Amino acid sequence: MAKVLHCRDVGFDCEGVISGDTEDDVMTQAAEHARTAHDMDDITPETAEQIRSKIRDE
């Protein structure tokens, strides 16, 4: 089952939607999205865990 993350669910005013086959796929894409769309160069383990908790089955 595919996984999906809505950037808005993490707390950003952003329409970004990231999907992948696994949570790790979504997390990799989310890290790139955070860098390019939100100027977040450093994602702490706490932030990563918050993001991971918002990933849902598609």
N, C-alpha and C. Protein backbone atom coordinates (compact mmCIF):
# COMPACT_ATOMS: atom_id res chain seq x y z
N MET A 1 0.85 -1.18 0.00
CA MET A 1 0.00 0.00 0.00
C MET A 1 0.89 1.24 0.00
N ALA A 2 0.58 2.19 -0.83
CA ALA A 2 1.36 3.42 -0.94
C ALA A 2 1.18 4.28 0.31
N LYS A 3 2.16 5.11 0.56
CA LYS A 3 2.16 6.03 1.70
C LYS A 3 2.07 7.45 1.18
N VAL A 4 1.46 8.33 1.97
CA VAL A 4 1.29 9.72 1.56
C VAL A 4 1.48 10.64 2.76
N LEU A 5 2.04 11.82 2.46
CA LEU A 5 2.24 12.86 3.46
C LEU A 5 1.78 14.18 2.87
N HIS A 6 0.93 14.87 3.58
CA HIS A 6 0.49 16.21 3.19
C HIS A 6 1.31 17.19 4.02
N CYS A 7 2.01 18.08 3.36
CA CYS A 7 2.87 19.03 4.04
C CYS A 7 2.07 19.85 5.06
N ARG A 8 0.86 20.19 4.73
CA ARG A 8 0.00 20.96 5.63
C ARG A 8 -0.19 20.24 6.97
N ASP A 9 -0.22 18.90 6.95
CA ASP A 9 -0.41 18.12 8.18
C ASP A 9 0.76 18.29 9.15
N VAL A 10 1.91 18.67 8.62
CA VAL A 10 3.10 18.86 9.45
C VAL A 10 3.12 20.27 10.04
N GLY A 11 2.25 21.14 9.53
CA GLY A 11 2.15 22.48 10.10
C GLY A 11 2.54 23.60 9.17
N PHE A 12 2.85 23.29 7.92
CA PHE A 12 3.21 24.32 6.96
C PHE A 12 1.99 24.76 6.17
N ASP A 13 1.97 26.01 5.76
CA ASP A 13 0.94 26.51 4.87
C ASP A 13 1.39 26.19 3.45
N CYS A 14 1.23 24.91 3.09
CA CYS A 14 1.79 24.39 1.86
C CYS A 14 0.86 23.31 1.32
N GLU A 15 0.65 23.30 0.04
CA GLU A 15 -0.21 22.31 -0.60
C GLU A 15 0.56 21.06 -1.06
N GLY A 16 1.82 20.96 -0.67
CA GLY A 16 2.65 19.84 -1.10
C GLY A 16 2.11 18.50 -0.62
N VAL A 17 2.14 17.53 -1.52
CA VAL A 17 1.73 16.16 -1.21
C VAL A 17 2.85 15.25 -1.69
N ILE A 18 3.34 14.41 -0.80
CA ILE A 18 4.44 13.52 -1.11
C ILE A 18 3.93 12.09 -0.96
N SER A 19 4.22 11.27 -1.95
CA SER A 19 3.80 9.87 -1.87
C SER A 19 4.94 8.96 -2.28
N GLY A 20 4.89 7.75 -1.75
CA GLY A 20 5.91 6.76 -2.07
C GLY A 20 5.45 5.38 -1.67
N ASP A 21 6.25 4.40 -2.02
CA ASP A 21 5.91 3.01 -1.72
C ASP A 21 6.08 2.68 -0.24
N THR A 22 7.04 3.35 0.42
CA THR A 22 7.33 3.07 1.82
C THR A 22 7.47 4.38 2.59
N GLU A 23 7.45 4.28 3.92
CA GLU A 23 7.68 5.47 4.74
C GLU A 23 9.06 6.07 4.45
N ASP A 24 10.06 5.22 4.23
CA ASP A 24 11.40 5.72 3.94
C ASP A 24 11.43 6.49 2.63
N ASP A 25 10.69 6.03 1.62
CA ASP A 25 10.59 6.78 0.36
C ASP A 25 10.01 8.17 0.61
N VAL A 26 8.94 8.21 1.38
CA VAL A 26 8.28 9.49 1.68
C VAL A 26 9.21 10.39 2.47
N MET A 27 9.92 9.83 3.45
CA MET A 27 10.83 10.64 4.26
C MET A 27 11.96 11.23 3.42
N THR A 28 12.49 10.46 2.49
CA THR A 28 13.55 10.97 1.61
C THR A 28 13.04 12.15 0.78
N GLN A 29 11.85 11.98 0.22
CA GLN A 29 11.26 13.06 -0.58
C GLN A 29 10.89 14.26 0.30
N ALA A 30 10.41 13.98 1.51
CA ALA A 30 10.03 15.07 2.42
C ALA A 30 11.26 15.90 2.81
N ALA A 31 12.38 15.25 3.01
CA ALA A 31 13.61 15.98 3.34
C ALA A 31 14.00 16.90 2.20
N GLU A 32 13.90 16.42 0.98
CA GLU A 32 14.22 17.27 -0.19
C GLU A 32 13.21 18.41 -0.31
N HIS A 33 11.94 18.12 -0.11
CA HIS A 33 10.90 19.15 -0.16
C HIS A 33 11.16 20.21 0.92
N ALA A 34 11.52 19.78 2.11
CA ALA A 34 11.80 20.72 3.20
C ALA A 34 12.95 21.65 2.84
N ARG A 35 13.98 21.09 2.20
CA ARG A 35 15.13 21.91 1.79
C ARG A 35 14.75 22.91 0.70
N THR A 36 14.05 22.44 -0.32
CA THR A 36 13.80 23.29 -1.48
C THR A 36 12.62 24.24 -1.30
N ALA A 37 11.57 23.79 -0.64
CA ALA A 37 10.37 24.61 -0.51
C ALA A 37 10.33 25.45 0.76
N HIS A 38 11.02 24.97 1.81
CA HIS A 38 10.91 25.63 3.11
C HIS A 38 12.25 26.05 3.70
N ASP A 39 13.31 25.98 2.90
CA ASP A 39 14.65 26.41 3.32
C ASP A 39 15.10 25.76 4.63
N MET A 40 14.76 24.51 4.82
CA MET A 40 15.18 23.77 6.01
C MET A 40 16.36 22.89 5.64
N ASP A 41 17.56 23.35 5.98
CA ASP A 41 18.76 22.59 5.64
C ASP A 41 19.05 21.49 6.63
N ASP A 42 18.61 21.66 7.87
CA ASP A 42 18.90 20.68 8.91
C ASP A 42 17.59 20.20 9.53
N ILE A 43 17.33 18.90 9.42
CA ILE A 43 16.13 18.32 9.99
C ILE A 43 16.55 17.51 11.21
N THR A 44 16.11 17.95 12.38
CA THR A 44 16.48 17.27 13.62
C THR A 44 15.76 15.92 13.72
N PRO A 45 16.27 15.04 14.54
CA PRO A 45 15.56 13.76 14.75
C PRO A 45 14.14 13.96 15.26
N GLU A 46 13.93 14.98 16.07
CA GLU A 46 12.59 15.27 16.59
C GLU A 46 11.65 15.68 15.47
N THR A 47 12.14 16.54 14.57
CA THR A 47 11.33 16.97 13.44
C THR A 47 11.05 15.80 12.51
N ALA A 48 12.04 14.97 12.29
CA ALA A 48 11.85 13.79 11.44
C ALA A 48 10.78 12.88 12.02
N GLU A 49 10.79 12.70 13.32
CA GLU A 49 9.79 11.85 13.96
C GLU A 49 8.39 12.46 13.84
N GLN A 50 8.30 13.78 13.97
CA GLN A 50 7.01 14.46 13.80
C GLN A 50 6.50 14.26 12.37
N ILE A 51 7.38 14.40 11.40
CA ILE A 51 6.99 14.20 10.00
C ILE A 51 6.56 12.76 9.79
N ARG A 52 7.34 11.81 10.26
CA ARG A 52 7.03 10.40 10.08
C ARG A 52 5.66 10.05 10.68
N SER A 53 5.30 10.69 11.78
CA SER A 53 4.02 10.39 12.43
C SER A 53 2.81 10.85 11.60
N LYS A 54 3.03 11.71 10.63
CA LYS A 54 1.95 12.24 9.80
C LYS A 54 1.77 11.47 8.48
N ILE A 55 2.64 10.49 8.23
CA ILE A 55 2.54 9.68 7.02
C ILE A 55 1.35 8.72 7.17
N ARG A 56 0.52 8.66 6.14
CA ARG A 56 -0.68 7.82 6.17
C ARG A 56 -0.67 6.85 4.98
N ASP A 57 -1.46 5.81 5.10
CA ASP A 57 -1.69 4.91 3.97
C ASP A 57 -2.55 5.63 2.95
N GLU A 58 -2.21 5.45 1.68
CA GLU A 58 -2.96 6.11 0.61
C GLU A 58 -4.10 5.24 0.16
